[in-house]
């Protein structure tokens, strides 16, 4: 069975997707069999809450599409 898209193509597209691009979310890997993805959220001033940890909305946005 031929899949319509390669995981690397989706990874590059997700990294350019505005909700990921502007919040600092980076998809580092998607498995060849599509079973798992590795996603990073680097600490930036725009995704930090008032106590200095990651904002919960950014954490949810990081995992929602998967």
N, C-alpha and C. Protein backbone atom coordinates (compact mmCIF):
# COMPACT_ATOMS: atom_id res chain seq x y z
N UNK A 1 0.84 -1.18 0.00
CA UNK A 1 0.00 0.00 0.00
C UNK A 1 0.88 1.24 0.00
N UNK A 2 0.63 2.14 -0.89
CA UNK A 2 1.43 3.37 -0.98
C UNK A 2 0.74 4.48 -0.19
N UNK A 3 1.50 5.08 0.71
CA UNK A 3 0.97 6.19 1.50
C UNK A 3 1.03 7.48 0.68
N UNK A 4 0.08 8.37 0.85
CA UNK A 4 0.05 9.58 0.03
C UNK A 4 1.14 10.61 0.35
N UNK A 5 1.72 10.52 1.55
CA UNK A 5 2.72 11.51 1.94
C UNK A 5 3.79 10.85 2.80
N UNK A 6 5.04 11.28 2.61
CA UNK A 6 6.13 10.77 3.44
C UNK A 6 6.13 11.51 4.77
N UNK A 7 6.58 10.85 5.84
CA UNK A 7 6.64 11.52 7.15
C UNK A 7 7.52 12.77 7.14
N UNK A 8 8.59 12.76 6.39
CA UNK A 8 9.48 13.93 6.36
C UNK A 8 8.79 15.13 5.72
N UNK A 9 7.93 14.88 4.73
CA UNK A 9 7.18 15.97 4.10
C UNK A 9 6.21 16.59 5.09
N UNK A 10 5.51 15.75 5.84
CA UNK A 10 4.59 16.26 6.86
C UNK A 10 5.35 17.02 7.94
N UNK A 11 6.52 16.51 8.35
CA UNK A 11 7.33 17.18 9.38
C UNK A 11 7.71 18.58 8.94
N UNK A 12 8.18 18.72 7.71
CA UNK A 12 8.55 20.05 7.21
C UNK A 12 7.34 20.97 7.13
N UNK A 13 6.21 20.43 6.69
CA UNK A 13 5.00 21.23 6.60
C UNK A 13 4.52 21.69 7.97
N UNK A 14 4.57 20.81 8.96
CA UNK A 14 4.14 21.19 10.30
C UNK A 14 5.06 22.24 10.91
N UNK A 15 6.35 22.16 10.61
CA UNK A 15 7.26 23.17 11.14
C UNK A 15 7.02 24.55 10.54
N UNK A 16 6.39 24.62 9.37
CA UNK A 16 6.05 25.90 8.75
C UNK A 16 4.62 26.33 9.04
N UNK A 17 3.84 25.48 9.68
CA UNK A 17 2.44 25.78 10.02
C UNK A 17 2.43 26.92 11.04
N UNK A 18 1.71 28.01 10.81
CA UNK A 18 1.77 29.18 11.69
C UNK A 18 1.57 28.92 13.19
N UNK A 19 0.62 28.07 13.61
CA UNK A 19 0.52 27.85 15.06
C UNK A 19 1.79 27.24 15.67
N UNK A 20 2.51 26.44 14.91
CA UNK A 20 3.77 25.89 15.41
C UNK A 20 4.91 26.88 15.22
N UNK A 21 4.97 27.50 14.07
CA UNK A 21 6.06 28.41 13.74
C UNK A 21 6.16 29.57 14.73
N UNK A 22 5.03 30.17 15.09
CA UNK A 22 5.06 31.36 15.93
C UNK A 22 5.05 31.08 17.43
N UNK A 23 4.89 29.83 17.82
CA UNK A 23 4.95 29.51 19.25
C UNK A 23 6.26 28.83 19.63
N UNK A 24 7.11 28.54 18.67
CA UNK A 24 8.40 27.91 18.97
C UNK A 24 8.35 26.40 19.03
N UNK A 25 7.26 25.80 18.53
CA UNK A 25 7.14 24.34 18.52
C UNK A 25 7.87 23.82 17.29
N UNK A 26 8.64 22.74 17.49
CA UNK A 26 9.44 22.17 16.40
C UNK A 26 9.25 20.66 16.38
N UNK A 27 8.79 20.13 15.24
CA UNK A 27 8.67 18.69 15.07
C UNK A 27 10.03 18.18 14.62
N UNK A 28 10.68 17.37 15.45
CA UNK A 28 12.03 16.90 15.14
C UNK A 28 12.03 15.58 14.38
N UNK A 29 11.01 14.74 14.58
CA UNK A 29 10.98 13.44 13.90
C UNK A 29 9.56 12.89 13.88
N UNK A 30 9.26 12.20 12.80
CA UNK A 30 8.05 11.40 12.69
C UNK A 30 8.49 10.03 12.20
N UNK A 31 8.02 9.00 12.88
CA UNK A 31 8.45 7.64 12.55
C UNK A 31 8.01 7.26 11.14
N UNK A 32 8.79 6.41 10.51
CA UNK A 32 8.49 5.97 9.15
C UNK A 32 7.17 5.21 9.07
N UNK A 33 6.79 4.57 10.18
CA UNK A 33 5.52 3.84 10.21
C UNK A 33 4.38 4.68 10.79
N UNK A 34 4.61 5.96 11.02
CA UNK A 34 3.63 6.94 11.49
C UNK A 34 3.14 6.67 12.91
N UNK A 35 3.83 5.87 13.69
CA UNK A 35 3.35 5.50 15.02
C UNK A 35 3.72 6.49 16.11
N UNK A 36 4.76 7.27 15.92
CA UNK A 36 5.11 8.26 16.93
C UNK A 36 5.80 9.47 16.29
N UNK A 37 5.75 10.56 17.04
CA UNK A 37 6.39 11.81 16.61
C UNK A 37 7.13 12.40 17.79
N UNK A 38 8.23 13.06 17.52
CA UNK A 38 8.99 13.76 18.55
C UNK A 38 8.83 15.26 18.29
N UNK A 39 8.38 15.96 19.32
CA UNK A 39 8.09 17.39 19.21
C UNK A 39 8.79 18.11 20.36
N UNK A 40 9.39 19.26 20.06
CA UNK A 40 10.08 20.05 21.08
C UNK A 40 9.43 21.43 21.20
N UNK A 41 9.47 21.94 22.40
CA UNK A 41 9.02 23.32 22.66
C UNK A 41 10.12 24.00 23.46
N UNK A 42 10.84 24.86 22.80
CA UNK A 42 11.92 25.58 23.49
C UNK A 42 11.33 26.75 24.27
N UNK A 43 11.94 27.03 25.42
CA UNK A 43 11.48 28.13 26.26
C UNK A 43 11.82 29.46 25.60
N UNK A 44 10.80 30.24 25.34
CA UNK A 44 10.94 31.56 24.75
C UNK A 44 10.11 32.55 25.57
N UNK A 45 10.40 33.83 25.48
CA UNK A 45 9.61 34.81 26.24
C UNK A 45 8.11 34.77 25.90
N UNK A 46 7.74 34.43 24.66
CA UNK A 46 6.33 34.43 24.27
C UNK A 46 5.59 33.15 24.64
N UNK A 47 6.29 32.12 25.16
CA UNK A 47 5.58 30.92 25.61
C UNK A 47 5.88 30.60 27.08
N UNK A 48 6.26 31.61 27.83
CA UNK A 48 6.58 31.46 29.25
C UNK A 48 5.46 32.12 30.06
N UNK A 49 5.04 31.45 31.13
CA UNK A 49 4.00 32.06 31.96
C UNK A 49 4.63 32.88 33.08
N UNK A 50 3.83 33.40 33.97
CA UNK A 50 4.33 34.34 34.98
C UNK A 50 5.24 33.71 36.03
N UNK A 51 5.24 32.40 36.18
CA UNK A 51 6.15 31.75 37.14
C UNK A 51 7.39 31.18 36.46
N UNK A 52 7.55 31.41 35.14
CA UNK A 52 8.76 31.03 34.43
C UNK A 52 8.75 29.64 33.83
N UNK A 53 7.59 29.01 33.73
CA UNK A 53 7.49 27.70 33.08
C UNK A 53 6.71 27.83 31.78
N UNK A 54 6.63 26.75 31.02
CA UNK A 54 5.91 26.79 29.76
C UNK A 54 4.42 27.08 29.98
N UNK A 55 3.88 27.90 29.10
CA UNK A 55 2.45 28.22 29.11
C UNK A 55 1.67 26.97 28.70
N UNK A 56 0.59 26.67 29.42
CA UNK A 56 -0.19 25.46 29.18
C UNK A 56 -0.81 25.41 27.79
N UNK A 57 -1.20 26.55 27.25
CA UNK A 57 -1.76 26.58 25.90
C UNK A 57 -0.75 26.14 24.86
N UNK A 58 0.51 26.51 25.04
CA UNK A 58 1.55 26.09 24.11
C UNK A 58 1.79 24.59 24.21
N UNK A 59 1.74 24.07 25.43
CA UNK A 59 1.92 22.62 25.62
C UNK A 59 0.78 21.85 24.96
N UNK A 60 -0.44 22.34 25.11
CA UNK A 60 -1.57 21.69 24.47
C UNK A 60 -1.46 21.77 22.95
N UNK A 61 -1.08 22.94 22.43
CA UNK A 61 -0.94 23.12 20.98
C UNK A 61 0.14 22.20 20.41
N UNK A 62 1.13 21.90 21.23
CA UNK A 62 2.22 21.03 20.79
C UNK A 62 1.73 19.59 20.58
N UNK A 63 0.79 19.13 21.36
CA UNK A 63 0.36 17.74 21.28
C UNK A 63 -0.98 17.55 20.58
N UNK A 64 -1.75 18.60 20.38
CA UNK A 64 -3.11 18.48 19.82
C UNK A 64 -3.17 17.81 18.44
N UNK A 65 -2.34 18.17 17.46
CA UNK A 65 -2.48 17.54 16.13
C UNK A 65 -2.12 16.07 16.09
N UNK A 66 -1.42 15.58 17.11
CA UNK A 66 -0.95 14.20 17.07
C UNK A 66 -1.87 13.32 17.87
